[in-house]
Amino acid sequence: MAELAGSIIVVTGGTQGLGEEIARNAAQQGAAGLVLCGRNRPNGDRVAAELSANGCPTHFVAADLASLDDCLSVIRTADQQFGRIDGLVNCAASTERGSVYDTTIELWERIMAINLRAPFFLMQETARIMRREGRGGSIVNIGSINGRGGQTNLTVYSTSKGGLAVLTKNAAAALGAERIRVNCINVGWMATPNEDAVQRSEGRPANWLELADAQAPFGRILRPTDVSSLVLWLLSDKGALMSGAEIDFDHQKIIGTYR
């Protein structure tokens, strides 16, 4: 049986990279409906159209998660279209650079709004719907191994992801009585379209991924499909007894070659 048969899932940041992979995987595993959000309308419309054409009704909401109104719109769209939510994946994030020395108040507020405030209010609205329906549910927060301390040019990003890990554990305790599970995956270095753009903007060669794979202990760095498989497990009934977990998905850190 498909892992998510009949489920209604919301995926933020579902227009590219990991979020898109999660959405496509969820559709393949029997999701009955999806709501995706992101700032790239052409990408979002394309993904939603493709998934809908393949049998999984999918709605795209153009949203800037720095806006609280946009956050609420995403969840309300899911409720209006499907009448319930079974799973939420907080995947959208800003990875803008900012160190102790050069971070501005504007950068701090923008990253915290997208990476920490948005997941909280998305979770809050989702939990209210899940409690109303009485079916329980699963929330998966996409964190980062940088939440353990992080690169020095990712001070604000790292801080936001550390906060997301604490929020995960607190929410898991608060929502457990409603059978709403909340877990967090601290993702390591992963090849995505955004990461490619960042690497090139920082002066890395066009074959940076080939070089990174060659240096990785297991022969490659993470790909979205690796992480999406774990996300689906946490969303599904297979993960029914796991909540409040903070999972480090980064073999480079464990083996001792963390960049």
Protein backbone atom coordinates (compact mmCIF):
# COMPACT_ATOMS: atom_id res chain seq x y z
CA MET A 1 0.00 0.00 0.00
CA ALA A 2 1.21 3.53 -0.77
CA GLU A 3 2.72 5.23 2.27
CA LEU A 4 0.49 8.32 2.13
CA ALA A 5 -2.69 6.80 0.68
CA GLY A 6 -5.54 9.28 1.05
CA SER A 7 -3.51 11.93 2.88
CA ILE A 8 -3.71 15.70 2.45
CA ILE A 9 -0.25 17.24 2.68
CA VAL A 10 1.01 20.85 2.73
CA VAL A 11 4.61 21.46 1.60
CA THR A 12 6.15 24.91 1.92
CA GLY A 13 8.94 25.72 -0.49
CA GLY A 14 7.47 23.20 -2.88
CA THR A 15 8.51 24.88 -6.12
CA GLN A 16 12.04 23.49 -6.41
CA GLY A 17 14.75 21.46 -4.73
CA LEU A 18 13.86 19.43 -1.66
CA GLY A 19 10.31 20.79 -1.39
CA GLU A 20 9.51 19.82 -4.98
CA GLU A 21 11.00 16.37 -4.46
CA ILE A 22 8.90 15.86 -1.32
CA ALA A 23 5.76 16.91 -3.18
CA ARG A 24 6.45 14.59 -6.12
CA ASN A 25 7.27 11.72 -3.79
CA ALA A 26 4.09 12.32 -1.77
CA ALA A 27 2.00 12.23 -4.95
CA GLN A 28 3.65 8.99 -6.02
CA GLN A 29 2.90 7.50 -2.61
CA GLY A 30 -0.82 8.07 -2.85
CA ALA A 31 -1.48 11.51 -1.39
CA ALA A 32 -5.08 12.51 -2.09
CA GLY A 33 -4.24 16.21 -2.31
CA LEU A 34 -1.36 18.63 -1.99
CA VAL A 35 -0.96 22.33 -1.32
CA LEU A 36 2.40 23.84 -2.24
CA CYS A 37 3.67 27.34 -1.67
CA GLY A 38 6.63 29.41 -2.78
CA ARG A 39 7.64 32.71 -4.32
CA ASN A 40 8.32 31.35 -7.82
CA ARG A 41 4.89 31.34 -9.46
CA PRO A 42 5.97 29.80 -12.81
CA ASN A 43 7.69 26.90 -11.03
CA GLY A 44 4.79 26.46 -8.62
CA ASP A 45 2.18 26.46 -11.36
CA ARG A 46 4.26 23.97 -13.36
CA VAL A 47 4.69 21.52 -10.48
CA ALA A 48 1.04 21.77 -9.46
CA ALA A 49 -0.15 21.21 -13.02
CA GLU A 50 2.07 18.18 -13.51
CA LEU A 51 1.04 16.53 -10.25
CA SER A 52 -2.64 17.25 -10.86
CA ALA A 53 -2.41 15.81 -14.38
CA ASN A 54 -0.91 12.65 -12.91
CA GLY A 55 -3.84 12.15 -10.54
CA CYS A 56 -2.99 14.07 -7.37
CA PRO A 57 -5.01 17.31 -7.07
CA THR A 58 -2.44 19.97 -6.25
CA HIS A 59 -2.91 23.66 -5.50
CA PHE A 60 -0.12 26.21 -5.60
CA VAL A 61 -0.26 29.31 -3.39
CA ALA A 62 2.14 32.11 -4.25
CA ALA A 63 3.44 33.13 -0.85
CA ASP A 64 6.27 35.05 0.78
CA LEU A 65 6.49 33.44 4.20
CA ALA A 66 7.98 36.60 5.67
CA SER A 67 4.33 37.74 5.55
CA LEU A 68 2.09 36.32 8.27
CA ASP A 69 -0.95 36.82 6.05
CA ASP A 70 0.67 34.68 3.35
CA CYS A 71 1.40 31.94 5.89
CA LEU A 72 -2.23 31.85 6.98
CA SER A 73 -3.38 31.86 3.35
CA VAL A 74 -1.48 28.64 2.64
CA ILE A 75 -3.21 26.71 5.42
CA ARG A 76 -6.61 28.23 4.75
CA THR A 77 -6.33 27.19 1.10
CA ALA A 78 -5.70 23.60 2.15
CA ASP A 79 -8.71 23.69 4.48
CA GLN A 80 -10.96 25.23 1.83
CA GLN A 81 -9.88 22.83 -0.91
CA PHE A 82 -9.71 19.57 1.04
CA GLY A 83 -11.43 20.11 4.40
CA ARG A 84 -8.53 18.78 6.43
CA ILE A 85 -4.74 18.51 6.67
CA ASP A 86 -2.95 15.27 7.54
CA GLY A 87 0.63 16.44 7.15
CA LEU A 88 2.66 19.65 7.03
CA VAL A 89 6.25 19.91 5.84
CA ASN A 90 8.00 23.16 6.73
CA CYS A 91 10.64 23.11 4.02
CA ALA A 92 10.86 26.75 2.88
CA ALA A 93 13.83 28.71 4.23
CA SER A 94 16.13 31.61 3.56
CA THR A 95 19.81 30.66 3.36
CA GLU A 96 21.08 34.21 3.02
CA ARG A 97 24.56 34.77 4.34
CA GLY A 98 25.23 36.91 7.40
CA SER A 99 28.02 36.80 9.97
CA VAL A 100 28.43 38.26 13.45
CA TYR A 101 30.11 41.29 11.88
CA ASP A 102 28.01 42.09 8.83
CA THR A 103 24.42 41.08 9.64
CA THR A 104 21.97 43.96 9.41
CA ILE A 105 18.75 44.25 11.37
CA GLU A 106 16.83 43.85 8.10
CA LEU A 107 18.60 40.56 7.32
CA TRP A 108 18.08 39.27 10.87
CA GLU A 109 14.37 40.03 10.81
CA ARG A 110 13.83 38.58 7.32
CA ILE A 111 15.57 35.29 8.05
CA MET A 112 13.88 34.87 11.42
CA ALA A 113 10.49 35.65 9.88
CA ILE A 114 10.87 33.03 7.14
CA ASN A 115 12.81 30.34 9.00
CA LEU A 116 11.29 30.47 12.47
CA ARG A 117 8.19 32.66 12.74
CA ALA A 118 6.55 31.20 9.62
CA PRO A 119 6.94 27.55 10.71
CA PHE A 120 5.43 28.39 14.09
CA PHE A 121 2.28 30.00 12.71
CA LEU A 122 1.95 27.41 9.95
CA MET A 123 2.11 24.74 12.66
CA GLN A 124 -0.38 26.62 14.82
CA GLU A 125 -2.99 26.90 12.07
CA THR A 126 -2.41 23.31 10.97
CA ALA A 127 -2.71 21.99 14.52
CA ARG A 128 -6.02 23.77 14.96
CA ILE A 129 -7.40 22.03 11.87
CA MET A 130 -5.97 18.66 12.92
CA ARG A 131 -7.52 19.02 16.38
CA ARG A 132 -10.87 20.01 14.85
CA GLU A 133 -10.90 16.92 12.65
CA GLY A 134 -9.70 14.57 15.40
CA ARG A 135 -7.57 12.47 13.06
CA GLY A 136 -4.15 13.36 14.44
CA GLY A 137 -1.41 14.19 11.97
CA SER A 138 2.27 14.71 11.34
CA ILE A 139 4.42 17.83 11.05
CA VAL A 140 7.96 17.62 9.71
CA ASN A 141 10.29 20.59 10.09
CA ILE A 142 13.30 20.76 7.80
CA GLY A 143 16.17 21.96 9.94
CA SER A 144 19.89 22.08 9.26
CA ILE A 145 23.03 20.63 10.71
CA ASN A 146 24.07 24.28 10.96
CA GLY A 147 21.61 24.52 13.84
CA ARG A 148 24.29 22.78 15.91
CA GLY A 149 26.56 25.83 15.58
CA GLY A 150 27.03 26.43 11.92
CA GLN A 151 29.34 28.12 9.47
CA THR A 152 30.53 31.55 10.51
CA ASN A 153 28.91 33.21 7.49
CA LEU A 154 25.56 31.64 8.40
CA THR A 155 25.14 33.05 11.88
CA VAL A 156 21.51 34.13 11.53
CA TYR A 157 20.49 31.09 9.49
CA SER A 158 22.11 28.78 12.02
CA THR A 159 20.40 30.54 14.90
CA SER A 160 17.02 30.23 13.20
CA LYS A 161 17.51 26.51 12.65
CA GLY A 162 18.59 25.99 16.25
CA GLY A 163 15.38 27.69 17.29
CA LEU A 164 13.37 25.47 14.95
CA ALA A 165 14.78 22.37 16.66
CA VAL A 166 13.68 23.64 20.08
CA LEU A 167 10.27 24.60 18.67
CA THR A 168 9.91 21.08 17.31
CA LYS A 169 10.41 19.49 20.71
CA ASN A 170 8.15 21.97 22.49
CA ALA A 171 5.36 21.56 19.93
CA ALA A 172 5.66 17.77 20.05
CA ALA A 173 5.06 17.87 23.80
CA ALA A 174 2.17 20.31 23.45
CA LEU A 175 0.39 18.47 20.63
CA GLY A 176 0.98 14.86 21.58
CA ALA A 177 -2.37 14.51 23.34
CA GLU A 178 -4.06 15.23 20.00
CA ARG A 179 -1.93 12.53 18.30
CA ILE A 180 -0.15 15.23 16.32
CA ARG A 181 3.49 14.28 15.81
CA VAL A 182 6.23 16.86 15.27
CA ASN A 183 9.74 15.93 14.15
CA CYS A 184 12.77 17.75 12.74
CA ILE A 185 15.42 16.67 10.22
CA ASN A 186 18.75 18.50 10.41
CA VAL A 187 19.86 18.25 6.80
CA GLY A 188 23.54 18.36 5.88
CA TRP A 189 25.16 19.59 2.67
CA MET A 190 22.71 18.86 -0.15
CA ALA A 191 22.78 19.44 -3.89
CA THR A 192 19.84 21.63 -4.94
CA PRO A 193 19.29 24.36 -7.54
CA ASN A 194 19.62 26.97 -4.79
CA GLU A 195 22.86 25.45 -3.52
CA ASP A 196 24.24 25.48 -7.06
CA ALA A 197 23.43 29.18 -7.35
CA VAL A 198 25.04 29.90 -3.97
CA GLN A 199 28.20 27.96 -4.76
CA ARG A 200 28.65 29.73 -8.09
CA SER A 201 27.97 33.14 -6.52
CA GLU A 202 30.71 32.46 -3.98
CA GLY A 203 33.24 31.72 -6.71
CA ARG A 204 33.18 27.91 -6.79
CA PRO A 205 33.84 26.28 -10.18
CA ALA A 206 31.04 24.99 -12.36
CA ASN A 207 31.94 21.41 -11.34
CA TRP A 208 31.75 22.15 -7.59
CA LEU A 209 29.30 19.26 -7.09
CA GLU A 210 31.64 16.76 -8.72
CA LEU A 211 34.42 17.97 -6.43
CA ALA A 212 32.18 17.86 -3.35
CA ASP A 213 31.03 14.33 -4.16
CA ALA A 214 34.62 13.18 -4.60
CA GLN A 215 35.51 14.42 -1.12
CA ALA A 216 32.44 12.96 0.63
CA PRO A 217 33.06 9.84 2.75
CA PHE A 218 30.24 7.89 1.11
CA GLY A 219 31.03 9.11 -2.40
CA ARG A 220 28.53 11.95 -2.64
CA ILE A 221 26.79 14.65 -0.67
CA LEU A 222 23.05 14.48 -0.04
CA ARG A 223 20.44 14.67 -2.77
CA PRO A 224 16.80 15.73 -2.25
CA THR A 225 15.59 12.18 -2.86
CA ASP A 226 17.58 10.98 0.18
CA VAL A 227 15.84 13.41 2.52
CA SER A 228 12.39 13.16 0.95
CA SER A 229 12.30 9.43 1.68
CA LEU A 230 12.80 10.12 5.39
CA VAL A 231 10.20 12.90 5.31
CA LEU A 232 7.60 10.54 3.85
CA TRP A 233 8.39 7.93 6.49
CA LEU A 234 7.77 10.52 9.21
CA LEU A 235 4.52 11.62 7.56
CA SER A 236 3.26 8.07 7.18
CA ASP A 237 1.85 5.58 9.67
CA LYS A 238 5.25 3.89 9.73
CA GLY A 239 6.47 6.78 11.87
CA ALA A 240 3.37 6.76 14.08
CA LEU A 241 5.28 6.41 17.36
CA MET A 242 8.01 8.96 16.67
CA SER A 243 7.55 12.52 17.86
CA GLY A 244 9.88 15.18 19.21
CA ALA A 245 12.83 13.68 17.34
CA GLU A 246 15.70 15.78 16.02
CA ILE A 247 17.44 13.71 13.34
CA ASP A 248 20.90 14.67 12.08
CA PHE A 249 21.03 13.63 8.43
CA ASP A 250 24.69 14.37 7.68
CA HIS A 251 27.22 11.58 7.34
CA GLN A 252 30.09 14.05 6.82
CA LYS A 253 29.62 15.49 10.28
CA ILE A 254 29.43 12.08 11.91
CA ILE A 255 32.57 10.81 10.20
CA GLY A 256 34.43 13.99 11.02
CA THR A 257 34.81 15.74 7.66
CA TYR A 258 32.08 18.36 8.16
CA ARG A 259 32.94 21.34 6.07
